[in-house]
Amino acid sequence: MPAVIAHSSRRRRSMSEINMVPFIDVMLVLLIIFMVSAPLITTGIVDLPSVGKARQRAQHVIEIVVGVDERLKVRVDQGDASVVGLSQLAARVKDLQAGSADTPVVIAADRNVKYEQVVKVMDVLQRAGVLRVGLAVKQAG
């Protein structure tokens, strides 16, 4: 009878060791794969606009100034500015372009103006069919 007891105790003993060798092998293979494939991955290239010097300033420019109080002023060729509402802006710009769609329109907004207001002005001009719309920036220097 003692032999049967010794035999049954061997079956009940569970294996408490974890074999780490296959895990380490898999990790090393993955490490090598990532090290080889990392230089082959192309990063996204973003072509950002520069604020360099312009080649030549246009002779006839319509400038829309968005103030801190979000009032819109329309100025032609650095002349006197006239206050215009957002609803009349498209008609006023079309009148100033006088049928010439090539006349550029520049939006100059104060640094503290909400971005939403500038986008509204651009949207109104786009819906009116104004083709050349740009943003004025200050050159760092």
N, C-alpha and C. Protein backbone atom coordinates (compact mmCIF):
# COMPACT_ATOMS: atom_id res chain seq x y z
N MET A 1 0.79 -1.20 0.00
CA MET A 1 0.00 0.00 0.00
C MET A 1 0.84 1.27 0.00
N PRO A 2 1.99 1.30 0.60
CA PRO A 2 2.77 2.52 0.59
C PRO A 2 3.19 2.92 -0.81
N ALA A 3 3.32 2.01 -1.74
CA ALA A 3 3.73 2.37 -3.09
C ALA A 3 2.64 3.16 -3.81
N VAL A 4 1.40 2.85 -3.53
CA VAL A 4 0.29 3.54 -4.17
C VAL A 4 0.21 4.98 -3.68
N ILE A 5 0.48 5.21 -2.43
CA ILE A 5 0.42 6.56 -1.87
C ILE A 5 1.52 7.44 -2.48
N ALA A 6 2.70 6.89 -2.64
CA ALA A 6 3.80 7.65 -3.22
C ALA A 6 3.51 7.99 -4.67
N HIS A 7 2.87 7.07 -5.38
CA HIS A 7 2.57 7.31 -6.79
C HIS A 7 1.50 8.40 -6.96
N SER A 8 0.49 8.45 -6.11
CA SER A 8 -0.57 9.44 -6.23
C SER A 8 -0.08 10.83 -5.84
N SER A 9 0.93 10.94 -4.98
CA SER A 9 1.45 12.25 -4.60
C SER A 9 2.23 12.89 -5.75
N ARG A 10 2.79 12.05 -6.64
CA ARG A 10 3.50 12.61 -7.80
C ARG A 10 2.52 13.26 -8.79
N ARG A 11 1.36 12.70 -8.93
CA ARG A 11 0.38 13.26 -9.86
C ARG A 11 -0.17 14.59 -9.34
N ARG A 12 -0.36 14.73 -8.06
CA ARG A 12 -0.96 15.93 -7.48
C ARG A 12 0.01 17.11 -7.49
N ARG A 13 1.27 16.88 -7.54
CA ARG A 13 2.24 17.97 -7.51
C ARG A 13 2.17 18.71 -8.86
N SER A 14 1.85 20.03 -8.80
CA SER A 14 1.75 20.80 -10.04
C SER A 14 3.09 21.45 -10.35
N MET A 15 3.24 21.80 -11.60
CA MET A 15 4.50 22.41 -12.03
C MET A 15 4.41 23.90 -11.74
N SER A 16 5.22 24.42 -10.87
CA SER A 16 5.15 25.82 -10.47
C SER A 16 6.19 26.68 -11.17
N GLU A 17 6.95 26.14 -12.08
CA GLU A 17 7.96 26.91 -12.79
C GLU A 17 7.43 27.32 -14.16
N ILE A 18 7.75 28.55 -14.58
CA ILE A 18 7.39 29.03 -15.91
C ILE A 18 8.65 29.06 -16.75
N ASN A 19 8.57 28.49 -17.91
CA ASN A 19 9.72 28.46 -18.80
C ASN A 19 9.79 29.80 -19.55
N MET A 20 10.79 30.62 -19.29
CA MET A 20 10.91 31.96 -19.85
C MET A 20 11.68 31.98 -21.17
N VAL A 21 12.30 30.91 -21.56
CA VAL A 21 13.13 30.89 -22.76
C VAL A 21 12.31 31.20 -24.02
N PRO A 22 11.14 30.59 -24.26
CA PRO A 22 10.38 30.94 -25.47
C PRO A 22 9.92 32.40 -25.47
N PHE A 23 9.58 32.91 -24.33
CA PHE A 23 9.17 34.31 -24.22
C PHE A 23 10.32 35.25 -24.60
N ILE A 24 11.49 34.99 -24.11
CA ILE A 24 12.66 35.81 -24.42
C ILE A 24 13.01 35.70 -25.90
N ASP A 25 12.90 34.51 -26.47
CA ASP A 25 13.18 34.34 -27.91
C ASP A 25 12.22 35.16 -28.76
N VAL A 26 10.96 35.13 -28.41
CA VAL A 26 9.96 35.91 -29.17
C VAL A 26 10.25 37.40 -29.04
N MET A 27 10.57 37.87 -27.86
CA MET A 27 10.87 39.29 -27.65
C MET A 27 12.11 39.73 -28.44
N LEU A 28 13.12 38.90 -28.49
CA LEU A 28 14.32 39.26 -29.24
C LEU A 28 14.05 39.30 -30.75
N VAL A 29 13.24 38.38 -31.23
CA VAL A 29 12.88 38.39 -32.65
C VAL A 29 12.08 39.65 -32.98
N LEU A 30 11.12 40.02 -32.12
CA LEU A 30 10.35 41.24 -32.36
C LEU A 30 11.23 42.48 -32.30
N LEU A 31 12.17 42.51 -31.38
CA LEU A 31 13.09 43.63 -31.28
C LEU A 31 13.89 43.79 -32.56
N ILE A 32 14.39 42.71 -33.09
CA ILE A 32 15.17 42.76 -34.34
C ILE A 32 14.30 43.22 -35.50
N ILE A 33 13.07 42.73 -35.57
CA ILE A 33 12.16 43.14 -36.66
C ILE A 33 11.90 44.64 -36.58
N PHE A 34 11.62 45.18 -35.39
CA PHE A 34 11.35 46.60 -35.26
C PHE A 34 12.59 47.45 -35.53
N MET A 35 13.75 46.97 -35.14
CA MET A 35 14.97 47.73 -35.41
C MET A 35 15.28 47.79 -36.89
N VAL A 36 14.97 46.74 -37.62
CA VAL A 36 15.23 46.73 -39.06
C VAL A 36 14.18 47.54 -39.80
N SER A 37 12.92 47.47 -39.38
CA SER A 37 11.85 48.15 -40.13
C SER A 37 11.71 49.62 -39.76
N ALA A 38 12.21 50.09 -38.63
CA ALA A 38 12.05 51.49 -38.22
C ALA A 38 12.66 52.48 -39.21
N PRO A 39 13.86 52.27 -39.73
CA PRO A 39 14.38 53.25 -40.70
C PRO A 39 13.63 53.24 -42.03
N LEU A 40 12.89 52.22 -42.33
CA LEU A 40 12.18 52.13 -43.60
C LEU A 40 10.85 52.88 -43.58
N ILE A 41 10.36 53.21 -42.40
CA ILE A 41 9.07 53.89 -42.29
C ILE A 41 9.27 55.35 -42.67
N THR A 42 8.47 55.83 -43.62
CA THR A 42 8.58 57.22 -44.04
C THR A 42 7.69 58.07 -43.15
N THR A 43 8.22 59.19 -42.69
CA THR A 43 7.42 60.10 -41.89
C THR A 43 6.65 61.03 -42.80
N GLY A 44 5.52 61.52 -42.31
CA GLY A 44 4.73 62.44 -43.11
C GLY A 44 5.44 63.77 -43.25
N ILE A 45 5.54 64.26 -44.46
CA ILE A 45 6.22 65.52 -44.73
C ILE A 45 5.15 66.60 -44.86
N VAL A 46 5.25 67.63 -44.03
CA VAL A 46 4.32 68.73 -44.06
C VAL A 46 5.04 69.94 -44.63
N ASP A 47 4.49 70.48 -45.70
CA ASP A 47 5.09 71.65 -46.33
C ASP A 47 4.42 72.90 -45.78
N LEU A 48 5.03 73.53 -44.79
CA LEU A 48 4.45 74.69 -44.15
C LEU A 48 4.76 75.95 -44.95
N PRO A 49 3.83 76.90 -44.93
CA PRO A 49 4.09 78.15 -45.65
C PRO A 49 5.14 78.97 -44.93
N SER A 50 5.91 79.69 -45.70
CA SER A 50 6.93 80.54 -45.11
C SER A 50 6.46 81.99 -45.12
N VAL A 51 7.07 82.79 -44.31
CA VAL A 51 6.70 84.19 -44.20
C VAL A 51 7.87 85.03 -44.70
N GLY A 52 8.43 84.61 -45.81
CA GLY A 52 9.54 85.34 -46.39
C GLY A 52 9.06 86.58 -47.12
N LYS A 53 9.97 87.22 -47.79
CA LYS A 53 9.62 88.43 -48.53
C LYS A 53 8.89 88.06 -49.82
N ALA A 54 7.87 88.82 -50.12
CA ALA A 54 7.11 88.59 -51.35
C ALA A 54 7.92 89.11 -52.53
N ARG A 55 7.67 88.52 -53.69
CA ARG A 55 8.39 88.98 -54.88
C ARG A 55 8.01 90.41 -55.22
N GLN A 56 6.71 90.65 -55.28
CA GLN A 56 6.26 91.99 -55.64
C GLN A 56 4.86 92.17 -55.09
N ARG A 57 4.63 93.30 -54.48
CA ARG A 57 3.31 93.58 -53.94
C ARG A 57 2.39 93.98 -55.08
N ALA A 58 1.17 93.48 -55.02
CA ALA A 58 0.19 93.82 -56.06
C ALA A 58 -0.13 95.31 -55.98
N GLN A 59 -0.46 95.88 -57.11
CA GLN A 59 -0.73 97.32 -57.13
C GLN A 59 -2.07 97.66 -56.48
N HIS A 60 -3.06 96.83 -56.70
CA HIS A 60 -4.40 97.09 -56.16
C HIS A 60 -4.75 95.98 -55.18
N VAL A 61 -4.80 96.31 -53.88
CA VAL A 61 -5.06 95.32 -52.85
C VAL A 61 -6.22 95.80 -51.99
N ILE A 62 -7.15 94.89 -51.74
CA ILE A 62 -8.26 95.16 -50.82
C ILE A 62 -7.92 94.49 -49.50
N GLU A 63 -7.89 95.27 -48.44
CA GLU A 63 -7.53 94.74 -47.13
C GLU A 63 -8.73 94.80 -46.20
N ILE A 64 -9.01 93.68 -45.55
CA ILE A 64 -10.08 93.61 -44.56
C ILE A 64 -9.41 93.49 -43.20
N VAL A 65 -9.66 94.46 -42.33
CA VAL A 65 -9.05 94.49 -41.01
C VAL A 65 -10.09 94.05 -39.99
N VAL A 66 -9.76 92.99 -39.24
CA VAL A 66 -10.63 92.50 -38.17
C VAL A 66 -10.01 92.97 -36.86
N GLY A 67 -10.70 93.90 -36.18
CA GLY A 67 -10.18 94.47 -34.94
C GLY A 67 -10.44 93.58 -33.74
N VAL A 68 -9.91 94.01 -32.60
CA VAL A 68 -10.09 93.26 -31.36
C VAL A 68 -11.56 93.16 -30.99
N ASP A 69 -12.31 94.23 -31.28
CA ASP A 69 -13.74 94.22 -31.00
C ASP A 69 -14.55 93.50 -32.08
N GLU A 70 -13.85 92.84 -33.01
CA GLU A 70 -14.42 92.06 -34.11
C GLU A 70 -15.18 92.92 -35.12
N ARG A 71 -14.90 94.23 -35.15
CA ARG A 71 -15.47 95.09 -36.18
C ARG A 71 -14.64 94.94 -37.44
N LEU A 72 -15.29 94.99 -38.57
CA LEU A 72 -14.62 94.82 -39.86
C LEU A 72 -14.43 96.19 -40.52
N LYS A 73 -13.23 96.41 -41.02
CA LYS A 73 -12.93 97.62 -41.76
C LYS A 73 -12.36 97.21 -43.11
N VAL A 74 -12.79 97.88 -44.15
CA VAL A 74 -12.30 97.59 -45.50
C VAL A 74 -11.45 98.77 -45.94
N ARG A 75 -10.24 98.45 -46.43
CA ARG A 75 -9.29 99.48 -46.85
C ARG A 75 -8.74 99.09 -48.21
N VAL A 76 -8.62 100.06 -49.09
CA VAL A 76 -8.10 99.82 -50.43
C VAL A 76 -6.77 100.54 -50.58
N ASP A 77 -5.74 99.79 -50.96
CA ASP A 77 -4.41 100.35 -51.24
C ASP A 77 -3.89 101.24 -50.10
N GLN A 78 -3.97 100.77 -48.89
CA GLN A 78 -3.47 101.46 -47.70
C GLN A 78 -4.14 102.82 -47.49
N GLY A 79 -5.34 103.00 -48.03
CA GLY A 79 -6.07 104.26 -47.87
C GLY A 79 -6.88 104.26 -46.58
N ASP A 80 -7.89 105.10 -46.54
CA ASP A 80 -8.75 105.18 -45.36
C ASP A 80 -9.65 103.96 -45.28
N ALA A 81 -9.90 103.52 -44.06
CA ALA A 81 -10.71 102.33 -43.83
C ALA A 81 -12.15 102.74 -43.55
N SER A 82 -13.07 101.96 -44.09
CA SER A 82 -14.49 102.18 -43.83
C SER A 82 -15.05 100.96 -43.11
N VAL A 83 -15.88 101.21 -42.10
CA VAL A 83 -16.46 100.13 -41.29
C VAL A 83 -17.59 99.48 -42.08
N VAL A 84 -17.58 98.14 -42.08
CA VAL A 84 -18.57 97.36 -42.83
C VAL A 84 -19.04 96.22 -41.93
N GLY A 85 -20.30 95.87 -42.03
CA GLY A 85 -20.82 94.71 -41.31
C GLY A 85 -20.53 93.43 -42.09
N LEU A 86 -20.62 92.32 -41.40
CA LEU A 86 -20.32 91.03 -42.04
C LEU A 86 -21.30 90.73 -43.17
N SER A 87 -22.56 91.17 -43.03
CA SER A 87 -23.56 90.90 -44.07
C SER A 87 -23.31 91.72 -45.34
N GLN A 88 -22.72 92.91 -45.21
CA GLN A 88 -22.44 93.75 -46.38
C GLN A 88 -21.04 93.55 -46.93
N LEU A 89 -20.23 92.72 -46.29
CA LEU A 89 -18.82 92.58 -46.66
C LEU A 89 -18.65 92.08 -48.09
N ALA A 90 -19.38 91.04 -48.46
CA ALA A 90 -19.21 90.45 -49.79
C ALA A 90 -19.56 91.45 -50.89
N ALA A 91 -20.66 92.17 -50.71
CA ALA A 91 -21.06 93.15 -51.72
C ALA A 91 -20.04 94.27 -51.82
N ARG A 92 -19.51 94.71 -50.69
CA ARG A 92 -18.52 95.80 -50.69
C ARG A 92 -17.23 95.37 -51.40
N VAL A 93 -16.78 94.15 -51.15
CA VAL A 93 -15.56 93.65 -51.79
C VAL A 93 -15.78 93.49 -53.28
N LYS A 94 -16.93 92.98 -53.68
CA LYS A 94 -17.23 92.83 -55.11
C LYS A 94 -17.25 94.19 -55.80
N ASP A 95 -17.80 95.21 -55.12
CA ASP A 95 -17.80 96.56 -55.69
C ASP A 95 -16.39 97.10 -55.85
N LEU A 96 -15.54 96.84 -54.85
CA LEU A 96 -14.17 97.34 -54.90
C LEU A 96 -13.33 96.61 -55.94
N GLN A 97 -13.67 95.35 -56.19
CA GLN A 97 -12.94 94.61 -57.23
C GLN A 97 -13.32 95.11 -58.62
N ALA A 98 -14.45 95.69 -58.76
CA ALA A 98 -14.93 96.29 -60.01
C ALA A 98 -14.84 95.32 -61.18
N GLY A 99 -15.30 94.11 -60.97
CA GLY A 99 -15.34 93.13 -62.05
C GLY A 99 -14.03 92.40 -62.28
N SER A 100 -12.96 92.78 -61.63
CA SER A 100 -11.68 92.12 -61.80
C SER A 100 -11.48 91.12 -60.66
N ALA A 101 -11.68 89.84 -60.96
CA ALA A 101 -11.56 88.79 -59.94
C ALA A 101 -10.11 88.56 -59.53
N ASP A 102 -9.16 89.14 -60.27
CA ASP A 102 -7.74 88.96 -59.95
C ASP A 102 -7.27 89.85 -58.80
N THR A 103 -8.08 90.80 -58.39
CA THR A 103 -7.68 91.70 -57.30
C THR A 103 -7.60 90.91 -56.01
N PRO A 104 -6.42 90.91 -55.37
CA PRO A 104 -6.28 90.12 -54.15
C PRO A 104 -6.96 90.79 -52.95
N VAL A 105 -7.48 89.93 -52.08
CA VAL A 105 -8.11 90.38 -50.83
C VAL A 105 -7.28 89.82 -49.69
N VAL A 106 -6.82 90.71 -48.80
CA VAL A 106 -5.97 90.30 -47.69
C VAL A 106 -6.73 90.55 -46.39
N ILE A 107 -6.77 89.53 -45.54
CA ILE A 107 -7.43 89.65 -44.24
C ILE A 107 -6.34 89.87 -43.20
N ALA A 108 -6.41 91.01 -42.51
CA ALA A 108 -5.47 91.33 -41.44
C ALA A 108 -6.24 91.35 -40.13
N ALA A 109 -5.94 90.39 -39.26
CA ALA A 109 -6.66 90.29 -37.99
C ALA A 109 -5.70 90.52 -36.83
N ASP A 110 -6.21 91.13 -35.79
CA ASP A 110 -5.42 91.33 -34.58
C ASP A 110 -5.10 89.97 -33.97
N ARG A 111 -4.00 89.90 -33.27
CA ARG A 111 -3.55 88.64 -32.67
C ARG A 111 -4.56 88.08 -31.68
N ASN A 112 -5.32 88.94 -31.02
CA ASN A 112 -6.25 88.51 -29.97
C ASN A 112 -7.66 88.23 -30.48
N VAL A 113 -7.87 88.33 -31.79
CA VAL A 113 -9.19 88.04 -32.36
C VAL A 113 -9.41 86.54 -32.39
N LYS A 114 -10.64 86.13 -32.13
CA LYS A 114 -10.97 84.70 -32.19
C LYS A 114 -10.79 84.19 -33.62
N TYR A 115 -10.26 83.00 -33.72
CA TYR A 115 -10.04 82.37 -35.03
C TYR A 115 -11.37 82.19 -35.76
N GLU A 116 -12.42 81.98 -35.01
CA GLU A 116 -13.75 81.78 -35.60
C GLU A 116 -14.18 82.99 -36.42
N GLN A 117 -13.88 84.19 -35.95
CA GLN A 117 -14.26 85.40 -36.68
C GLN A 117 -13.54 85.50 -38.02
N VAL A 118 -12.26 85.15 -38.04
CA VAL A 118 -11.49 85.18 -39.29
C VAL A 118 -12.05 84.15 -40.27
N VAL A 119 -12.42 82.98 -39.77
CA VAL A 119 -12.99 81.94 -40.63
C VAL A 119 -14.34 82.39 -41.18
N LYS A 120 -15.12 83.10 -40.39
CA LYS A 120 -16.41 83.61 -40.89
C LYS A 120 -16.20 84.58 -42.05
N VAL A 121 -15.20 85.45 -41.90
CA VAL A 121 -14.91 86.41 -42.98
C VAL A 121 -14.48 85.66 -44.24
N MET A 122 -13.62 84.67 -44.07
CA MET A 122 -13.17 83.89 -45.23
C MET A 122 -14.34 83.15 -45.87
N ASP A 123 -15.24 82.63 -45.06
CA ASP A 123 -16.40 81.89 -45.58
C ASP A 123 -17.32 82.81 -46.37
N VAL A 124 -17.56 84.02 -45.86
CA VAL A 124 -18.42 84.98 -46.58
C VAL A 124 -17.81 85.32 -47.93
N LEU A 125 -16.47 85.53 -47.95
CA LEU A 125 -15.82 85.86 -49.21
C LEU A 125 -15.83 84.70 -50.19
N GLN A 126 -15.65 83.49 -49.68
CA GLN A 126 -15.66 82.32 -50.55
C GLN A 126 -17.04 82.10 -51.16
N ARG A 127 -18.08 82.27 -50.36
CA ARG A 127 -19.45 82.09 -50.88
C ARG A 127 -19.79 83.14 -51.92
N ALA A 128 -19.17 84.33 -51.81
CA ALA A 128 -19.42 85.40 -52.78
C ALA A 128 -18.63 85.20 -54.06
N GLY A 129 -17.72 84.24 -54.08
CA GLY A 129 -16.95 83.96 -55.29
C GLY A 129 -15.65 84.73 -55.39
N VAL A 130 -15.16 85.26 -54.29
CA VAL A 130 -13.87 85.97 -54.30
C VAL A 130 -12.78 84.91 -54.36
N LEU A 131 -11.92 84.99 -55.37
CA LEU A 131 -10.95 83.93 -55.63
C LEU A 131 -9.67 84.07 -54.83
N ARG A 132 -9.07 85.23 -54.85
CA ARG A 132 -7.73 85.40 -54.23
C ARG A 132 -7.88 86.03 -52.85
N VAL A 133 -7.90 85.17 -51.83
CA VAL A 133 -7.99 85.62 -50.44
C VAL A 133 -6.76 85.14 -49.70
N GLY A 134 -6.12 86.04 -48.98
CA GLY A 134 -4.92 85.68 -48.23
C GLY A 134 -4.98 86.26 -46.83
N LEU A 135 -4.02 85.86 -46.01
CA LEU A 135 -3.93 86.35 -44.64
C LEU A 135 -2.66 87.19 -44.50
N ALA A 136 -2.79 88.33 -43.85
CA ALA A 136 -1.63 89.19 -43.62
C ALA A 136 -0.91 88.70 -42.37
N VAL A 137 0.41 88.68 -42.44
CA VAL A 137 1.23 88.30 -41.29
C VAL A 137 2.33 89.33 -41.12
N LYS A 138 2.83 89.40 -39.90
CA LYS A 138 3.94 90.29 -39.62
C LYS A 138 5.23 89.52 -39.78
N GLN A 139 6.18 90.07 -40.49
CA GLN A 139 7.46 89.40 -40.69
C GLN A 139 8.27 89.48 -39.41
N ALA A 140 8.77 88.34 -38.98
CA ALA A 140 9.65 88.32 -37.82
C ALA A 140 11.01 88.85 -38.24
N GLY A 141 11.55 89.72 -37.45
CA GLY A 141 12.81 90.15 -37.93
C GLY A 141 13.51 91.10 -37.11
